[in-house]
Amino acid sequence: MTQRYDDQMRITELDRPARSRRPRRRLWLIASPLILVLLLAAGWSAFWFYASAQATARIAQWQERESQAGRTFACATQDIGGFPFRFEVSCGEPSLELSNLRPEILLAGKFTNIVAQIYDPTLLIGEFTGPLTVAELGVPANASVLPPTRPMFSANWKLARASLRGLPGAPERLSIVFDSPELARMARAAMEPVAAADRFELHSRVLSDAPGNGAVEIALRLAGGAAPTLNTALAQPTDADADVKISGIRDLAPKPLATYLRELSETNGRIEIVNARIAQADIIVTGNGTLGVTTDGMLDGQVALTVVGLERLIKLLGLEDMLNQQFAQRGGSMDKIASGLDRLLPGLGGAVRSNSGTIAAAGIAMLGAPTELEGKKAVTLPLKFSAGLVSLGPLQIGRMPPVF
């Protein structure tokens, strides 16, 4: 009896530690996922703050490089946020001083916000708050501003967004979109409206960054654009689209447009207008062709234009009197033109005889090829650029100054 009791006590004592260890094992199994999550969170936080510090240092290095190249970027206030899954750089009152231009230019904005997802740092997305002011530096017109400036232009918009794909030194794609943009210029000590649109888009893609033979594609989109103070031809809302390929670019570093064009002349680069379309009321113009730049800065090449509403376009551009005079000098009398049109379409010549203002349009139409565009009657004509002269078919319509 006593022996059996002692055996039971020993079994109880041996079994007690085993039973007391089970809750501890279960507690560890329950706590281990939580501990793992906490460790991952701590590691991720450390990584984010380290990467944030690196981004701040990279931004400072980039600003220093740009400043040495004559492009000084600055922010009145700057902050990096977006924890935990993105980097968000906010810049209050951003400014860009272009000391490499003559005259020196200062661009000043209101607010900029740039975002990059931590899992895709090669894609930057930005939003910009207007207005944007463009001013000339070094002009003592406003003593309260240092350095002294003279406002030249201002731009505003409802919404502005941009995206950049690629590394800082090797961009791949750039897109900029403005909703309801407006442009004004300084006149008589006040800003006056110059142009406005419903929407403007610019998209570009790098095809090749080979030194001396770089190539890019550029697409422009304009909806409802008008600039009545610049030219009466732009008074009505106009839609425009253009797809352009530029080859022979020396490098993709930021520089003035005139510098790019000068380098195109040196590398024998080409500007290929893949497709262009302009529409205003009942006038439609499409075109495609290739242009080059000569060593003296002149455009050289030809663009094939297809025009709906040629007569209205000539009147709109104010070319009527000049073209009528050129037809008269070439012996293109009204009767001769009307007779030619009667051979193309009986009765058309009578309409020309009754309205001398259509001589230019009718004569040019005879020099072109009749066709159809978007279901409407049209004519195709060559627009030529050569040695500063601009010609529509065999008729000179103007001169163009050097592009650099």
Foldseek 3Di string as FASTA:
>chain_A
DVVVVVVVVVVVVVCVVVVVCVVVVVVCVVCVVVVVVVVVVVVQVVVQVVVVVVVVVVVVVVQVVVVVVQKHKDAPDWDWDDPDFKTKIKGAFIKIWRVVDVQIKIKTAGIKMWMATPVARQKIKMKGADKIWIWGFPDQPDVVDVPHTGTFKIKHADIKMKMWGGDPQDTFKIKIKGAWMWMWGDDPNDTDTFKTFRMKMKIKGWPDFPAQWTKMKIKIWTWQMAGCVVAVLRHFGKTKIWIKMKTRFRGDDDDDPLVRQLSQQVSVIKIWTCKMWMDGDQKIKMKTWMWGAHNQQFIFTKIKIKIGPQLVVCVSVVQQVVQVVVCVVVVNDLVNLLVVVCVVPNPPSVVCVVPVSCSSVSVLQSLFDWDDDPRGTITIWMFGTDPQFTATRPHTRGGDDGSD
